[in-house]
Amino acid sequence: MKSILLSCAAFLAMALTPVFAQELAIGEPAPMPDAPMVGVDGEKHTLNSLKQENGLLVVFSCNTCPFVVGNGNKTEGWEGRYNGVAAFAAERQVGTVLVNSNEAKREGDDSFPAMRKHAKEAGYTMPYLMDEGSKLANNMGARTTPHIYLFDGDMNLVYRGSIDDNVNRAEDVEERYLENALERLATGKKIKVAETKAVGCSIKRVK
């Protein structure tokens, strides 16, 4: 009887645990490249439709995480660098997309109307898509907001991690991980630092 109860408890624990893949490894292809996701523009987009000649930058993001939007004087947040990074990427023929995978907050801060409102207020210059059921995040193994995944022209992963080394102040950045990766990708060079630690809030999956 005890063993049956333990088995049931283990099964319940597994059932309540979010299921997502190991984090996508460098060199692996982008999952779900042709899966449509609705954007705040009301249109459906796919990763393949948004990539440019040299690839696609995927940024898992959200509306309220302090690492994204900032937290007063303590944290500037990375969101203020999104448009600049997207412009830098576009100059190197790389597309950019923001993806909101916070499925557990769809009735609140990360609802679709809230996404639309936030994108307008933040002045996003790139598509902002809703990842229903956190499917894309689960398949990439994305953990945080923000979490960066850079794919080459064949949609194979070449960089993942953080934008840079300072969420607090853009002017104090010493290591521009993503820009360095984009520059080397565009010039056909091997990316020296292909993996960094993604720092941010956890993606809010439905348990």
N, C-alpha and C. Protein backbone atom coordinates (compact mmCIF):
# COMPACT_ATOMS: atom_id res chain seq x y z
N MET A 1 0.83 -1.20 0.00
CA MET A 1 0.00 0.00 0.00
C MET A 1 0.87 1.26 0.00
N LYS A 2 1.93 1.22 0.81
CA LYS A 2 2.83 2.36 0.91
C LYS A 2 3.49 2.65 -0.43
N SER A 3 3.90 1.57 -1.12
CA SER A 3 4.57 1.74 -2.41
C SER A 3 3.61 2.34 -3.44
N ILE A 4 2.32 1.94 -3.35
CA ILE A 4 1.32 2.48 -4.27
C ILE A 4 1.14 3.98 -4.04
N LEU A 5 1.08 4.36 -2.75
CA LEU A 5 0.92 5.78 -2.41
C LEU A 5 2.12 6.60 -2.88
N LEU A 6 3.33 6.03 -2.70
CA LEU A 6 4.54 6.72 -3.15
C LEU A 6 4.54 6.88 -4.67
N SER A 7 4.09 5.84 -5.36
CA SER A 7 4.03 5.91 -6.82
C SER A 7 3.04 6.98 -7.28
N CYS A 8 1.90 7.04 -6.60
CA CYS A 8 0.90 8.04 -6.93
C CYS A 8 1.43 9.45 -6.68
N ALA A 9 2.14 9.59 -5.56
CA ALA A 9 2.71 10.90 -5.22
C ALA A 9 3.74 11.32 -6.26
N ALA A 10 4.55 10.39 -6.70
CA ALA A 10 5.57 10.68 -7.71
C ALA A 10 4.92 11.07 -9.03
N PHE A 11 3.87 10.35 -9.39
CA PHE A 11 3.17 10.66 -10.64
C PHE A 11 2.56 12.05 -10.58
N LEU A 12 1.95 12.39 -9.42
CA LEU A 12 1.34 13.70 -9.26
C LEU A 12 2.38 14.80 -9.36
N ALA A 13 3.53 14.57 -8.76
CA ALA A 13 4.61 15.57 -8.81
C ALA A 13 5.06 15.80 -10.23
N MET A 14 5.16 14.71 -11.00
CA MET A 14 5.55 14.83 -12.40
C MET A 14 4.49 15.57 -13.20
N ALA A 15 3.24 15.31 -12.90
CA ALA A 15 2.14 15.94 -13.63
C ALA A 15 2.09 17.44 -13.38
N LEU A 16 2.51 17.85 -12.19
CA LEU A 16 2.47 19.27 -11.83
C LEU A 16 3.73 20.01 -12.22
N THR A 17 4.73 19.31 -12.72
CA THR A 17 5.99 19.92 -13.11
C THR A 17 5.94 20.32 -14.57
N PRO A 18 6.30 21.59 -14.90
CA PRO A 18 6.30 22.00 -16.30
C PRO A 18 7.25 21.11 -17.11
N VAL A 19 6.82 20.71 -18.29
CA VAL A 19 7.63 19.86 -19.15
C VAL A 19 8.25 20.70 -20.24
N PHE A 20 9.57 20.81 -20.24
CA PHE A 20 10.23 21.50 -21.33
C PHE A 20 11.58 20.86 -21.58
N ALA A 21 12.06 21.07 -22.79
CA ALA A 21 13.26 20.38 -23.24
C ALA A 21 14.52 20.91 -22.57
N GLN A 22 15.59 20.16 -22.74
CA GLN A 22 16.91 20.70 -22.41
C GLN A 22 17.12 21.93 -23.27
N GLU A 23 17.90 22.85 -22.78
CA GLU A 23 18.14 24.06 -23.55
C GLU A 23 18.79 23.70 -24.88
N LEU A 24 18.29 24.31 -25.94
CA LEU A 24 18.80 24.05 -27.29
C LEU A 24 20.31 24.24 -27.32
N ALA A 25 21.01 23.29 -27.91
CA ALA A 25 22.47 23.34 -27.96
C ALA A 25 22.94 24.11 -29.17
N ILE A 26 24.11 24.70 -29.05
CA ILE A 26 24.72 25.40 -30.17
C ILE A 26 24.85 24.43 -31.35
N GLY A 27 24.42 24.91 -32.52
CA GLY A 27 24.47 24.07 -33.72
C GLY A 27 23.17 23.38 -34.04
N GLU A 28 22.25 23.31 -33.07
CA GLU A 28 20.98 22.64 -33.31
C GLU A 28 20.01 23.56 -34.05
N PRO A 29 19.10 22.98 -34.86
CA PRO A 29 18.15 23.79 -35.61
C PRO A 29 17.04 24.35 -34.73
N ALA A 30 16.50 25.46 -35.17
CA ALA A 30 15.39 26.07 -34.44
C ALA A 30 14.18 25.15 -34.48
N PRO A 31 13.54 24.91 -33.35
CA PRO A 31 12.31 24.10 -33.35
C PRO A 31 11.14 24.94 -33.83
N MET A 32 10.11 24.29 -34.33
CA MET A 32 8.86 24.95 -34.71
C MET A 32 9.07 26.14 -35.66
N PRO A 33 9.92 26.01 -36.67
CA PRO A 33 10.22 27.17 -37.52
C PRO A 33 9.04 27.66 -38.34
N ASP A 34 8.05 26.79 -38.58
CA ASP A 34 6.90 27.19 -39.39
C ASP A 34 5.60 27.22 -38.60
N ALA A 35 5.71 27.18 -37.27
CA ALA A 35 4.52 27.25 -36.42
C ALA A 35 4.05 28.70 -36.32
N PRO A 36 2.80 28.99 -36.66
CA PRO A 36 2.32 30.37 -36.61
C PRO A 36 2.07 30.84 -35.17
N MET A 37 2.47 32.08 -34.90
CA MET A 37 2.21 32.72 -33.62
C MET A 37 1.65 34.10 -33.90
N VAL A 38 0.61 34.48 -33.18
CA VAL A 38 -0.03 35.77 -33.43
C VAL A 38 0.78 36.88 -32.78
N GLY A 39 0.92 37.99 -33.52
CA GLY A 39 1.65 39.14 -33.02
C GLY A 39 0.71 40.24 -32.58
N VAL A 40 1.25 41.24 -31.91
CA VAL A 40 0.43 42.36 -31.45
C VAL A 40 -0.12 43.17 -32.62
N ASP A 41 0.42 42.93 -33.83
CA ASP A 41 -0.11 43.58 -35.02
C ASP A 41 -1.35 42.87 -35.57
N GLY A 42 -1.74 41.76 -34.92
CA GLY A 42 -2.91 41.01 -35.34
C GLY A 42 -2.63 39.99 -36.43
N GLU A 43 -1.39 39.95 -36.89
CA GLU A 43 -1.00 39.01 -37.93
C GLU A 43 -0.32 37.78 -37.33
N LYS A 44 -0.32 36.68 -38.09
CA LYS A 44 0.39 35.49 -37.66
C LYS A 44 1.76 35.44 -38.35
N HIS A 45 2.76 35.10 -37.55
CA HIS A 45 4.14 35.07 -38.03
C HIS A 45 4.77 33.72 -37.68
N THR A 46 5.79 33.35 -38.43
CA THR A 46 6.59 32.17 -38.09
C THR A 46 8.04 32.61 -38.00
N LEU A 47 8.86 31.78 -37.37
CA LEU A 47 10.27 32.10 -37.28
C LEU A 47 10.88 32.21 -38.68
N ASN A 48 10.51 31.29 -39.56
CA ASN A 48 11.06 31.32 -40.92
C ASN A 48 10.64 32.57 -41.69
N SER A 49 9.42 33.04 -41.43
CA SER A 49 8.95 34.22 -42.17
C SER A 49 9.66 35.49 -41.70
N LEU A 50 10.23 35.46 -40.50
CA LEU A 50 10.86 36.65 -39.93
C LEU A 50 12.38 36.66 -40.08
N LYS A 51 12.96 35.54 -40.42
CA LYS A 51 14.42 35.51 -40.58
C LYS A 51 14.82 36.30 -41.81
N GLN A 52 16.05 36.83 -41.78
CA GLN A 52 16.63 37.49 -42.93
C GLN A 52 17.78 36.64 -43.46
N GLU A 53 18.52 37.17 -44.39
CA GLU A 53 19.55 36.39 -45.07
C GLU A 53 20.53 35.73 -44.11
N ASN A 54 20.93 36.47 -43.08
CA ASN A 54 21.94 35.93 -42.15
C ASN A 54 21.35 35.35 -40.88
N GLY A 55 20.02 35.33 -40.76
CA GLY A 55 19.45 34.64 -39.62
C GLY A 55 18.36 35.38 -38.88
N LEU A 56 18.14 34.96 -37.64
CA LEU A 56 17.05 35.49 -36.82
C LEU A 56 17.47 35.53 -35.36
N LEU A 57 17.15 36.66 -34.71
CA LEU A 57 17.36 36.83 -33.28
C LEU A 57 16.03 36.66 -32.57
N VAL A 58 15.94 35.68 -31.67
CA VAL A 58 14.72 35.43 -30.90
C VAL A 58 14.97 35.86 -29.45
N VAL A 59 14.13 36.77 -28.97
CA VAL A 59 14.25 37.26 -27.59
C VAL A 59 12.99 36.88 -26.83
N PHE A 60 13.11 36.00 -25.84
CA PHE A 60 11.98 35.69 -24.97
C PHE A 60 11.86 36.85 -23.97
N SER A 61 10.68 37.46 -23.94
CA SER A 61 10.50 38.66 -23.15
C SER A 61 9.12 38.66 -22.50
N CYS A 62 8.77 39.77 -21.85
CA CYS A 62 7.45 39.88 -21.20
C CYS A 62 7.18 41.34 -20.91
N ASN A 63 6.12 41.61 -20.14
CA ASN A 63 5.69 42.99 -19.91
C ASN A 63 6.13 43.60 -18.58
N THR A 64 6.52 42.77 -17.61
CA THR A 64 6.71 43.32 -16.27
C THR A 64 8.00 42.94 -15.57
N CYS A 65 8.73 41.96 -16.04
CA CYS A 65 9.95 41.53 -15.34
C CYS A 65 10.92 42.69 -15.19
N PRO A 66 11.45 42.96 -13.98
CA PRO A 66 12.40 44.06 -13.79
C PRO A 66 13.65 43.94 -14.65
N PHE A 67 14.05 42.73 -14.99
CA PHE A 67 15.22 42.57 -15.85
C PHE A 67 14.91 43.03 -17.28
N VAL A 68 13.64 43.07 -17.62
CA VAL A 68 13.21 43.56 -18.93
C VAL A 68 12.91 45.05 -18.86
N VAL A 69 11.98 45.43 -17.99
CA VAL A 69 11.46 46.80 -17.99
C VAL A 69 12.18 47.74 -17.03
N GLY A 70 13.00 47.19 -16.14
CA GLY A 70 13.70 48.01 -15.16
C GLY A 70 12.98 48.05 -13.83
N ASN A 71 13.68 48.57 -12.83
CA ASN A 71 13.14 48.62 -11.47
C ASN A 71 13.63 49.88 -10.77
N GLY A 72 13.11 51.01 -11.23
CA GLY A 72 13.53 52.27 -10.63
C GLY A 72 15.00 52.55 -10.86
N ASN A 73 15.67 52.98 -9.82
CA ASN A 73 17.09 53.32 -9.92
C ASN A 73 18.01 52.10 -9.82
N LYS A 74 17.44 50.96 -9.42
CA LYS A 74 18.27 49.77 -9.22
C LYS A 74 18.62 49.09 -10.54
N THR A 75 17.65 49.00 -11.43
CA THR A 75 17.83 48.26 -12.68
C THR A 75 17.25 49.05 -13.85
N GLU A 76 18.08 49.34 -14.82
CA GLU A 76 17.60 50.03 -16.01
C GLU A 76 16.73 49.12 -16.86
N GLY A 77 17.10 47.82 -16.90
CA GLY A 77 16.38 46.84 -17.71
C GLY A 77 16.93 46.79 -19.12
N TRP A 78 16.83 45.60 -19.73
CA TRP A 78 17.37 45.41 -21.07
C TRP A 78 16.42 45.88 -22.17
N GLU A 79 15.15 46.08 -21.86
CA GLU A 79 14.16 46.43 -22.87
C GLU A 79 14.55 47.70 -23.64
N GLY A 80 15.14 48.65 -22.94
CA GLY A 80 15.54 49.90 -23.58
C GLY A 80 16.61 49.71 -24.64
N ARG A 81 17.22 48.53 -24.68
CA ARG A 81 18.25 48.24 -25.69
C ARG A 81 17.71 47.40 -26.85
N TYR A 82 16.46 46.94 -26.74
CA TYR A 82 15.89 46.06 -27.77
C TYR A 82 15.94 46.71 -29.16
N ASN A 83 15.43 47.93 -29.28
CA ASN A 83 15.36 48.55 -30.60
C ASN A 83 16.75 48.79 -31.18
N GLY A 84 17.69 49.15 -30.34
CA GLY A 84 19.06 49.35 -30.81
C GLY A 84 19.68 48.05 -31.29
N VAL A 85 19.45 46.99 -30.54
CA VAL A 85 19.96 45.67 -30.93
C VAL A 85 19.31 45.22 -32.24
N ALA A 86 18.00 45.46 -32.36
CA ALA A 86 17.30 45.07 -33.58
C ALA A 86 17.83 45.82 -34.79
N ALA A 87 18.14 47.10 -34.61
CA ALA A 87 18.70 47.89 -35.70
C ALA A 87 20.09 47.39 -36.07
N PHE A 88 20.88 47.07 -35.05
CA PHE A 88 22.23 46.53 -35.26
C PHE A 88 22.14 45.21 -36.02
N ALA A 89 21.16 44.38 -35.65
CA ALA A 89 20.96 43.09 -36.32
C ALA A 89 20.51 43.29 -37.76
N ALA A 90 19.57 44.21 -37.98
CA ALA A 90 19.04 44.45 -39.32
C ALA A 90 20.13 44.92 -40.27
N GLU A 91 21.06 45.72 -39.77
CA GLU A 91 22.18 46.18 -40.60
C GLU A 91 23.05 45.01 -41.05
N ARG A 92 22.95 43.91 -40.33
CA ARG A 92 23.74 42.71 -40.65
C ARG A 92 22.85 41.60 -41.22
N GLN A 93 21.69 42.00 -41.71
CA GLN A 93 20.75 41.09 -42.37
C GLN A 93 20.29 39.95 -41.45
N VAL A 94 19.99 40.33 -40.21
CA VAL A 94 19.43 39.39 -39.23
C VAL A 94 18.12 39.97 -38.72
N GLY A 95 17.06 39.19 -38.76
CA GLY A 95 15.77 39.64 -38.26
C GLY A 95 15.70 39.53 -36.74
N THR A 96 14.70 40.18 -36.15
CA THR A 96 14.52 40.15 -34.69
C THR A 96 13.05 39.95 -34.36
N VAL A 97 12.78 39.12 -33.35
CA VAL A 97 11.41 38.92 -32.87
C VAL A 97 11.42 38.78 -31.35
N LEU A 98 10.42 39.37 -30.72
CA LEU A 98 10.20 39.20 -29.27
C LEU A 98 9.09 38.18 -29.09
N VAL A 99 9.25 37.29 -28.12
CA VAL A 99 8.28 36.23 -27.87
C VAL A 99 7.88 36.23 -26.39
N ASN A 100 6.58 36.28 -26.14
CA ASN A 100 6.07 36.25 -24.77
C ASN A 100 5.50 34.86 -24.50
N SER A 101 6.16 34.12 -23.60
CA SER A 101 5.77 32.74 -23.28
C SER A 101 5.16 32.59 -21.90
N ASN A 102 4.82 33.70 -21.25
CA ASN A 102 4.29 33.66 -19.88
C ASN A 102 2.83 33.21 -19.85
N GLU A 103 2.60 31.95 -20.21
CA GLU A 103 1.24 31.42 -20.32
C GLU A 103 0.47 31.49 -19.01
N ALA A 104 1.16 31.37 -17.88
CA ALA A 104 0.48 31.39 -16.58
C ALA A 104 -0.01 32.79 -16.20
N LYS A 105 0.35 33.81 -16.98
CA LYS A 105 -0.07 35.18 -16.67
C LYS A 105 -0.94 35.78 -17.77
N ARG A 106 -1.58 34.88 -18.57
CA ARG A 106 -2.39 35.36 -19.69
C ARG A 106 -3.66 36.08 -19.24
N GLU A 107 -4.08 35.84 -18.01
CA GLU A 107 -5.27 36.52 -17.51
C GLU A 107 -4.91 37.84 -16.82
N GLY A 108 -3.62 38.17 -16.83
CA GLY A 108 -3.19 39.38 -16.13
C GLY A 108 -2.16 40.18 -16.91
N ASP A 109 -0.96 40.28 -16.33
CA ASP A 109 0.07 41.17 -16.87
C ASP A 109 0.53 40.82 -18.27
N ASP A 110 0.40 39.55 -18.67
CA ASP A 110 0.87 39.14 -19.98
C ASP A 110 -0.26 38.67 -20.89
N SER A 111 -1.44 39.26 -20.69
CA SER A 111 -2.55 39.00 -21.60
C SER A 111 -2.21 39.61 -22.96
N PHE A 112 -2.95 39.20 -23.98
CA PHE A 112 -2.69 39.74 -25.32
C PHE A 112 -2.95 41.26 -25.37
N PRO A 113 -4.06 41.74 -24.79
CA PRO A 113 -4.26 43.20 -24.77
C PRO A 113 -3.13 43.94 -24.03
N ALA A 114 -2.62 43.33 -22.94
CA ALA A 114 -1.52 43.95 -22.20
C ALA A 114 -0.25 43.96 -23.04
N MET A 115 -0.05 42.91 -23.83
CA MET A 115 1.11 42.86 -24.74
C MET A 115 1.03 43.99 -25.76
N ARG A 116 -0.16 44.18 -26.33
CA ARG A 116 -0.34 45.25 -27.32
C ARG A 116 -0.05 46.62 -26.70
N LYS A 117 -0.59 46.83 -25.52
CA LYS A 117 -0.40 48.11 -24.83
C LYS A 117 1.08 48.32 -24.52
N HIS A 118 1.73 47.28 -24.04
CA HIS A 118 3.14 47.42 -23.66
C HIS A 118 4.02 47.68 -24.88
N ALA A 119 3.75 46.96 -25.97
CA ALA A 119 4.54 47.15 -27.19
C ALA A 119 4.44 48.58 -27.70
N LYS A 120 3.25 49.15 -27.62
CA LYS A 120 3.04 50.53 -28.06
C LYS A 120 3.78 51.50 -27.16
N GLU A 121 3.66 51.29 -25.85
CA GLU A 121 4.31 52.20 -24.90
C GLU A 121 5.83 52.11 -25.00
N ALA A 122 6.34 50.91 -25.24
CA ALA A 122 7.79 50.72 -25.33
C ALA A 122 8.34 51.10 -26.70
N GLY A 123 7.46 51.28 -27.67
CA GLY A 123 7.90 51.66 -29.00
C GLY A 123 8.65 50.57 -29.73
N TYR A 124 8.23 49.32 -29.54
CA TYR A 124 8.91 48.21 -30.19
C TYR A 124 8.92 48.38 -31.71
N THR A 125 10.05 48.12 -32.31
CA THR A 125 10.18 48.19 -33.76
C THR A 125 10.19 46.81 -34.41
N MET A 126 10.02 45.79 -33.61
CA MET A 126 10.04 44.41 -34.11
C MET A 126 8.75 43.70 -33.71
N PRO A 127 8.40 42.58 -34.36
CA PRO A 127 7.20 41.84 -33.98
C PRO A 127 7.29 41.34 -32.54
N TYR A 128 6.14 41.35 -31.86
CA TYR A 128 6.03 40.85 -30.49
C TYR A 128 4.94 39.78 -30.53
N LEU A 129 5.33 38.53 -30.33
CA LEU A 129 4.44 37.40 -30.54
C LEU A 129 4.04 36.70 -29.25
N MET A 130 2.85 36.13 -29.23
CA MET A 130 2.37 35.35 -28.09
C MET A 130 2.63 33.86 -28.36
N ASP A 131 3.36 33.26 -27.45
CA ASP A 131 3.69 31.83 -27.53
C ASP A 131 2.66 31.05 -26.71
N GLU A 132 1.59 30.62 -27.36
CA GLU A 132 0.51 29.93 -26.66
C GLU A 132 0.99 28.62 -26.07
N GLY A 133 0.70 28.41 -24.78
CA GLY A 133 1.10 27.19 -24.10
C GLY A 133 2.59 27.10 -23.85
N SER A 134 3.30 28.20 -24.04
CA SER A 134 4.78 28.22 -23.87
C SER A 134 5.47 27.18 -24.76
N LYS A 135 4.85 26.85 -25.89
CA LYS A 135 5.36 25.75 -26.72
C LYS A 135 6.76 26.03 -27.27
N LEU A 136 6.96 27.23 -27.79
CA LEU A 136 8.28 27.53 -28.35
C LEU A 136 9.33 27.56 -27.24
N ALA A 137 8.99 28.19 -26.13
CA ALA A 137 9.93 28.24 -25.00
C ALA A 137 10.25 26.83 -24.51
N ASN A 138 9.24 25.98 -24.45
CA ASN A 138 9.47 24.60 -24.01
C ASN A 138 10.40 23.86 -24.96
N ASN A 139 10.21 24.06 -26.25
CA ASN A 139 11.02 23.34 -27.23
C ASN A 139 12.44 23.88 -27.32
N MET A 140 12.64 25.14 -26.98
CA MET A 140 13.99 25.69 -26.97
C MET A 140 14.66 25.52 -25.62
N GLY A 141 13.85 25.22 -24.60
CA GLY A 141 14.40 25.14 -23.26
C GLY A 141 14.67 26.50 -22.66
N ALA A 142 13.96 27.52 -23.15
CA ALA A 142 14.15 28.88 -22.64
C ALA A 142 13.72 28.96 -21.18
N ARG A 143 14.47 29.68 -20.38
CA ARG A 143 14.23 29.72 -18.94
C ARG A 143 13.78 31.08 -18.42
N THR A 144 14.29 32.16 -19.02
CA THR A 144 14.15 33.47 -18.40
C THR A 144 13.62 34.53 -19.36
N THR A 145 13.24 35.67 -18.77
CA THR A 145 12.98 36.88 -19.55
C THR A 145 13.93 37.95 -19.05
N PRO A 146 14.81 38.45 -19.95
CA PRO A 146 14.95 37.98 -21.33
C PRO A 146 15.84 36.73 -21.43
N HIS A 147 15.72 36.02 -22.55
CA HIS A 147 16.60 34.90 -22.89
C HIS A 147 16.80 34.99 -24.39
N ILE A 148 18.06 35.03 -24.81
CA ILE A 148 18.42 35.32 -26.19
C ILE A 148 18.81 34.05 -26.93
N TYR A 149 18.26 33.90 -28.14
CA TYR A 149 18.65 32.80 -29.04
C TYR A 149 18.92 33.40 -30.42
N LEU A 150 20.14 33.25 -30.91
CA LEU A 150 20.52 33.78 -32.22
C LEU A 150 20.77 32.63 -33.19
N PHE A 151 20.04 32.66 -34.31
CA PHE A 151 20.15 31.61 -35.32
C PHE A 151 20.77 32.17 -36.59
N ASP A 152 21.53 31.32 -37.29
CA ASP A 152 22.15 31.75 -38.54
C ASP A 152 21.17 31.63 -39.70
N GLY A 153 21.65 31.86 -40.91
CA GLY A 153 20.78 31.84 -42.08
C GLY A 153 20.15 30.50 -42.36
N ASP A 154 20.72 29.43 -41.84
CA ASP A 154 20.13 28.09 -41.97
C ASP A 154 19.28 27.73 -40.77
N MET A 155 19.07 28.70 -39.89
CA MET A 155 18.28 28.55 -38.67
C MET A 155 18.87 27.54 -37.70
N ASN A 156 20.21 27.52 -37.63
CA ASN A 156 20.92 26.75 -36.61
C ASN A 156 21.41 27.71 -35.53
N LEU A 157 21.34 27.28 -34.28
CA LEU A 157 21.70 28.14 -33.16
C LEU A 157 23.19 28.43 -33.13
N VAL A 158 23.53 29.74 -33.03
CA VAL A 158 24.95 30.12 -32.96
C VAL A 158 25.30 30.87 -31.67
N TYR A 159 24.29 31.40 -30.98
CA TYR A 159 24.53 32.08 -29.70
C TYR A 159 23.27 31.99 -28.85
N ARG A 160 23.46 31.87 -27.53
CA ARG A 160 22.34 31.93 -26.60
C ARG A 160 22.83 32.50 -25.28
N GLY A 161 21.92 33.20 -24.57
CA GLY A 161 22.28 33.73 -23.26
C GLY A 161 21.74 35.12 -23.04
N SER A 162 22.65 36.06 -22.69
CA SER A 162 22.28 37.43 -22.36
C SER A 162 22.63 38.40 -23.48
N ILE A 163 22.04 39.59 -23.44
CA ILE A 163 22.36 40.64 -24.39
C ILE A 163 23.76 41.17 -24.12
N ASP A 164 24.03 41.47 -22.86
CA ASP A 164 25.33 42.00 -22.47
C ASP A 164 25.54 41.71 -20.98
N ASP A 165 26.54 42.35 -20.38
CA ASP A 165 26.89 41.98 -19.00
C ASP A 165 26.40 42.96 -17.94
N ASN A 166 25.47 43.89 -18.30
CA ASN A 166 25.04 44.86 -17.30
C ASN A 166 23.58 45.26 -17.52
N VAL A 167 22.69 44.67 -16.74
CA VAL A 167 21.27 45.00 -16.84
C VAL A 167 20.98 46.37 -16.22
N ASN A 168 21.87 46.83 -15.34
CA ASN A 168 21.62 48.05 -14.59
C ASN A 168 21.76 49.33 -15.41
N ARG A 169 22.85 49.41 -16.19
CA ARG A 169 23.11 50.64 -16.94
C ARG A 169 23.79 50.32 -18.27
N ALA A 170 23.19 50.76 -19.35
CA ALA A 170 23.75 50.49 -20.68
C ALA A 170 25.14 51.09 -20.84
N GLU A 171 25.35 52.26 -20.24
CA GLU A 171 26.65 52.92 -20.40
C GLU A 171 27.78 52.23 -19.63
N ASP A 172 27.41 51.31 -18.74
CA ASP A 172 28.43 50.60 -17.97
C ASP A 172 28.72 49.20 -18.52
N VAL A 173 28.13 48.87 -19.67
CA VAL A 173 28.36 47.55 -20.28
C VAL A 173 29.82 47.41 -20.69
N GLU A 174 30.41 46.29 -20.34
CA GLU A 174 31.79 46.01 -20.73
C GLU A 174 31.86 44.91 -21.78
N GLU A 175 30.94 43.95 -21.72
CA GLU A 175 30.93 42.84 -22.67
C GLU A 175 29.61 42.84 -23.44
N ARG A 176 29.67 43.13 -24.73
CA ARG A 176 28.47 43.14 -25.57
C ARG A 176 28.36 41.79 -26.29
N TYR A 177 27.90 40.80 -25.54
CA TYR A 177 27.89 39.42 -26.04
C TYR A 177 27.11 39.30 -27.36
N LEU A 178 25.89 39.85 -27.37
CA LEU A 178 25.03 39.67 -28.53
C LEU A 178 25.56 40.44 -29.74
N GLU A 179 25.96 41.68 -29.56
CA GLU A 179 26.48 42.46 -30.68
C GLU A 179 27.74 41.81 -31.25
N ASN A 180 28.58 41.30 -30.38
CA ASN A 180 29.79 40.61 -30.86
C ASN A 180 29.42 39.38 -31.68
N ALA A 181 28.41 38.65 -31.21
CA ALA A 181 27.96 37.46 -31.93
C ALA A 181 27.36 37.83 -33.28
N LEU A 182 26.58 38.89 -33.31
CA LEU A 182 25.97 39.35 -34.55
C LEU A 182 27.03 39.79 -35.56
N GLU A 183 28.03 40.50 -35.08
CA GLU A 183 29.09 40.98 -35.96
C GLU A 183 29.86 39.82 -36.59
N ARG A 184 30.18 38.85 -35.77
CA ARG A 184 30.94 37.70 -36.28
C ARG A 184 30.08 36.82 -37.19
N LEU A 185 28.80 36.69 -36.86
CA LEU A 185 27.89 35.94 -37.71
C LEU A 185 27.82 36.57 -39.10
N ALA A 186 27.68 37.89 -39.14
CA ALA A 186 27.53 38.59 -40.41
C ALA A 186 28.78 38.53 -41.27
N THR A 187 29.93 38.40 -40.63
CA THR A 187 31.19 38.36 -41.38
C THR A 187 31.70 36.94 -41.60
N GLY A 188 30.88 35.97 -41.22
CA GLY A 188 31.23 34.57 -41.47
C GLY A 188 32.29 34.01 -40.56
N LYS A 189 32.48 34.66 -39.42
CA LYS A 189 33.49 34.19 -38.47
C LYS A 189 32.86 33.37 -37.35
N LYS A 190 33.63 32.48 -36.77
CA LYS A 190 33.14 31.68 -35.65
C LYS A 190 32.94 32.58 -34.45
N ILE A 191 31.82 32.40 -33.77
CA ILE A 191 31.53 33.22 -32.59
C ILE A 191 32.37 32.74 -31.42
N LYS A 192 33.13 33.66 -30.85
CA LYS A 192 34.06 33.29 -29.78
C LYS A 192 33.34 32.89 -28.50
N VAL A 193 32.37 33.70 -28.09
CA VAL A 193 31.60 33.39 -26.88
C VAL A 193 30.18 33.05 -27.34
N ALA A 194 29.91 31.75 -27.49
CA ALA A 194 28.63 31.30 -28.04
C ALA A 194 27.58 31.07 -26.96
N GLU A 195 27.98 30.99 -25.71
CA GLU A 195 27.03 30.74 -24.62
C GLU A 195 27.37 31.61 -23.42
N THR A 196 26.35 32.31 -22.90
CA THR A 196 26.50 33.05 -21.65
C THR A 196 25.29 32.72 -20.79
N LYS A 197 25.34 33.11 -19.54
CA LYS A 197 24.24 32.82 -18.63
C LYS A 197 23.10 33.80 -18.87
N ALA A 198 21.90 33.26 -19.07
CA ALA A 198 20.71 34.11 -19.20
C ALA A 198 20.27 34.53 -17.80
N VAL A 199 20.15 35.83 -17.59
CA VAL A 199 19.78 36.37 -16.28
C VAL A 199 18.43 37.08 -16.41
N GLY A 200 17.48 36.71 -15.57
CA GLY A 200 16.17 37.36 -15.63
C GLY A 200 15.15 36.65 -14.77
N CYS A 201 13.87 36.99 -14.99
CA CYS A 201 12.78 36.33 -14.28
C CYS A 201 12.46 35.00 -14.98
N SER A 202 11.96 34.06 -14.22
CA SER A 202 11.58 32.78 -14.83
C SER A 202 10.38 32.95 -15.75
N ILE A 203 10.36 32.19 -16.84
CA ILE A 203 9.19 32.16 -17.71
C ILE A 203 8.05 31.49 -16.94
N LYS A 204 6.89 32.11 -16.94
CA LYS A 204 5.77 31.64 -16.13
C LYS A 204 4.93 30.63 -16.91
N ARG A 205 5.27 29.36 -16.75
CA ARG A 205 4.55 28.28 -17.41
C ARG A 205 3.36 27.82 -16.58
N VAL A 206 2.37 27.25 -17.24
CA VAL A 206 1.23 26.67 -16.53
C VAL A 206 1.66 25.34 -15.96
N LYS A 207 1.45 25.16 -14.65
CA LYS A 207 1.85 23.90 -14.00
C LYS A 207 0.74 22.89 -14.10
